[in-house]
Amino acid sequence: MADTAAAVMTRNVISVRPDAGIAEVADTLTKHGISAAPVVDASGKLLGMISEGDLLRPFSGKAQARRAWWLEMLAEGERLAPEFLEYISVDRHTAADLMTRTLVTAHESTRISDIADQLTAHHIKRVPILRGETLVGIVSRADLVRALAQIKNLQLPQAS
C-alpha cells in the first residue's frame, strides 16, 4: 500500500463556491452527509473551508445580542418598521464571509503519517490536498482510519 495522500484521499470532493449562501451551503453539507466543505473558485483554486460551526456563527447568542444592540441604536427610541426588521433578520452571509481562510493543506506526495500528525497537532478533521493551488482531493480522519483497516486486513494470517 502506498503511504501518500494520493493513495488515500477522496478525489471526488464536494465543494461550494464563495458566493453560495448559508442555506445553499447547509443544503450541500446535509445532502452529502459531510460536516465541512472546501470553498473553491471557478478554476478550482482553494479559497477556504466552511464547516457546520462556521454556519452557526451568525446565529449565536453573542451575534444576536450585538444585532439587538445595533437595532436599538438605529431606532433611538422609535419603533422600527416590521419590513425592515424582517429584511435584516434574513441572513445574507455567503461562504466567503464565513469560511476559514487559514488552512492546513498538503500535496499528493505528502506522507499519510505527516497528514495524521497535522490532523492531531491542529485539532482538525480534514486536510485539503492541492496540486499547486488547485484542490485535487481531501484526506479526512475517516480516510486514514480506512487505510489503517486495510493494513490490518492485509496482515491477518490466512486460515488453513
Protein backbone atom coordinates (compact mmCIF):
# COMPACT_ATOMS: atom_id res chain seq x y z
CA MET A 1 0.00 0.00 0.00
CA ALA A 2 1.29 3.46 -0.90
CA ASP A 3 1.85 5.79 2.00
CA THR A 4 1.00 9.14 0.42
CA ALA A 5 -2.06 11.35 0.37
CA ALA A 6 -2.70 10.33 -3.25
CA ALA A 7 -3.27 6.74 -2.13
CA VAL A 8 -5.94 7.51 0.48
CA MET A 9 -7.50 10.84 -0.47
CA THR A 10 -11.09 11.29 -1.55
CA ARG A 11 -10.85 12.57 -5.11
CA ASN A 12 -14.47 13.46 -5.78
CA VAL A 13 -14.56 16.36 -3.32
CA ILE A 14 -17.84 18.10 -2.57
CA SER A 15 -17.13 21.82 -2.61
CA VAL A 16 -19.01 25.11 -2.64
CA ARG A 17 -18.46 28.41 -4.43
CA PRO A 18 -17.56 31.53 -2.43
CA ASP A 19 -20.86 33.23 -3.31
CA ALA A 20 -23.01 30.33 -2.02
CA GLY A 21 -25.44 31.48 0.67
CA ILE A 22 -25.80 29.87 4.07
CA ALA A 23 -28.90 27.90 3.03
CA GLU A 24 -27.13 26.54 -0.06
CA VAL A 25 -24.05 25.52 1.92
CA ALA A 26 -26.22 23.89 4.61
CA ASP A 27 -28.13 22.03 1.92
CA THR A 28 -24.89 20.77 0.32
CA LEU A 29 -23.50 19.56 3.66
CA THR A 30 -26.77 17.85 4.54
CA LYS A 31 -27.29 16.17 1.15
CA HIS A 32 -23.81 14.69 1.19
CA GLY A 33 -23.63 13.83 4.90
CA ILE A 34 -20.50 15.89 5.48
CA SER A 35 -19.66 18.44 8.17
CA ALA A 36 -17.50 20.78 6.09
CA ALA A 37 -16.62 21.59 2.51
CA PRO A 38 -13.81 23.36 0.71
CA VAL A 39 -14.66 26.73 -0.83
CA VAL A 40 -13.23 26.93 -4.35
CA ASP A 41 -13.38 29.43 -7.18
CA ALA A 42 -14.42 28.60 -10.75
CA SER A 43 -10.91 27.40 -11.61
CA GLY A 44 -10.75 25.01 -8.63
CA LYS A 45 -8.43 27.20 -6.55
CA LEU A 46 -8.89 26.55 -2.84
CA LEU A 47 -10.04 29.70 -1.02
CA GLY A 48 -11.06 28.31 2.36
CA MET A 49 -13.15 25.74 4.24
CA ILE A 50 -16.65 26.15 5.61
CA SER A 51 -18.00 23.94 8.38
CA GLU A 52 -21.22 23.46 10.28
CA GLY A 53 -19.72 25.56 13.08
CA ASP A 54 -18.98 28.39 10.66
CA LEU A 55 -22.62 28.34 9.51
CA LEU A 56 -23.89 28.67 13.07
CA ARG A 57 -21.70 31.66 13.98
CA PRO A 58 -24.16 34.37 12.76
CA PHE A 59 -26.93 32.78 14.82
CA SER A 60 -25.02 32.54 18.10
CA GLY A 61 -26.29 34.32 21.18
CA LYS A 62 -23.39 36.79 21.02
CA ALA A 63 -24.19 37.71 17.42
CA GLN A 64 -27.88 38.08 18.24
CA ALA A 65 -27.11 40.37 21.20
CA ARG A 66 -24.83 42.53 19.02
CA ARG A 67 -27.58 42.75 16.38
CA ALA A 68 -30.12 43.78 19.04
CA TRP A 69 -27.76 46.48 20.32
CA TRP A 70 -27.33 47.90 16.80
CA LEU A 71 -31.10 47.89 16.27
CA GLU A 72 -31.59 49.80 19.50
CA MET A 73 -29.01 52.36 18.40
CA LEU A 74 -30.68 52.72 15.00
CA ALA A 75 -34.15 53.07 16.44
CA GLU A 76 -33.26 55.75 19.01
CA GLY A 77 -36.48 55.08 20.88
CA GLU A 78 -38.60 54.83 17.72
CA ARG A 79 -40.40 51.70 16.60
CA LEU A 80 -38.69 50.10 13.59
CA ALA A 81 -40.81 49.10 10.61
CA PRO A 82 -41.66 45.36 10.57
CA GLU A 83 -40.44 45.15 6.95
CA PHE A 84 -37.05 46.50 7.97
CA LEU A 85 -36.82 44.06 10.89
CA GLU A 86 -37.70 41.17 8.56
CA TYR A 87 -35.15 42.34 6.00
CA ILE A 88 -32.28 42.44 8.48
CA SER A 89 -33.29 39.17 10.16
CA VAL A 90 -32.66 37.23 6.95
CA ASP A 91 -29.04 36.21 6.97
CA ARG A 92 -27.26 37.11 3.75
CA HIS A 93 -23.82 35.75 4.58
CA THR A 94 -22.02 33.79 1.91
CA ALA A 95 -19.46 31.01 2.15
CA ALA A 96 -16.73 33.61 1.55
CA ASP A 97 -17.98 35.65 4.52
CA LEU A 98 -17.92 32.75 6.98
CA MET A 99 -15.21 30.38 5.72
CA THR A 100 -11.93 29.71 7.48
CA ARG A 101 -9.19 31.18 5.31
CA THR A 102 -6.07 29.98 7.10
CA LEU A 103 -5.84 26.31 6.25
CA VAL A 104 -3.57 23.36 6.82
CA THR A 105 -3.05 21.77 3.40
CA ALA A 106 -0.91 19.05 1.88
CA HIS A 107 0.15 17.80 -1.53
CA GLU A 108 -0.48 14.44 -3.19
CA SER A 109 3.03 13.29 -2.28
CA THR A 110 2.67 14.11 1.44
CA ARG A 111 3.11 11.02 3.59
CA ILE A 112 -0.05 9.92 5.39
CA SER A 113 1.88 9.85 8.67
CA ASP A 114 2.56 13.58 8.19
CA ILE A 115 -1.13 14.20 7.49
CA ALA A 116 -2.06 12.28 10.65
CA ASP A 117 0.39 14.50 12.56
CA GLN A 118 -1.25 17.63 11.08
CA LEU A 119 -4.75 16.44 11.99
CA THR A 120 -3.65 15.83 15.57
CA ALA A 121 -1.48 18.92 16.02
CA HIS A 122 -4.06 21.34 14.63
CA HIS A 123 -7.17 19.61 16.02
CA ILE A 124 -8.74 19.40 12.56
CA LYS A 125 -10.79 16.71 10.84
CA ARG A 126 -9.64 17.02 7.23
CA VAL A 127 -6.74 18.27 5.12
CA PRO A 128 -7.32 19.57 1.57
CA ILE A 129 -4.88 18.12 -0.94
CA LEU A 130 -3.51 20.54 -3.53
CA ARG A 131 -1.72 20.39 -6.85
CA GLY A 132 -0.32 23.89 -6.97
CA GLU A 133 -3.26 25.99 -5.74
CA THR A 134 -5.89 23.65 -7.18
CA LEU A 135 -7.89 21.32 -4.95
CA VAL A 136 -7.47 17.71 -6.13
CA GLY A 137 -8.61 15.79 -3.06
CA ILE A 138 -9.16 15.73 0.65
CA VAL A 139 -7.88 13.44 3.38
CA SER A 140 -10.16 13.08 6.38
CA ARG A 141 -9.76 11.18 9.60
CA ALA A 142 -12.10 8.57 8.14
CA ASP A 143 -9.80 8.13 5.13
CA LEU A 144 -6.88 7.43 7.45
CA VAL A 145 -8.92 5.00 9.55
CA ARG A 146 -9.91 3.14 6.34
CA ALA A 147 -6.24 2.96 5.36
CA LEU A 148 -5.37 1.52 8.78
CA ALA A 149 -8.13 -1.06 8.45
CA GLN A 150 -6.78 -2.13 5.05
CA ILE A 151 -3.31 -2.59 6.51
CA LYS A 152 -4.80 -4.69 9.32
CA ASN A 153 -6.72 -6.83 6.81
CA LEU A 154 -3.57 -7.37 4.74
CA GLN A 155 -1.67 -8.56 7.80
CA LEU A 156 -4.26 -11.07 9.03
CA PRO A 157 -2.98 -14.66 8.76
CA GLN A 158 -4.86 -16.82 6.27
CA ALA A 159 -6.92 -19.69 7.73
CA SER A 160 -5.65 -23.13 6.74
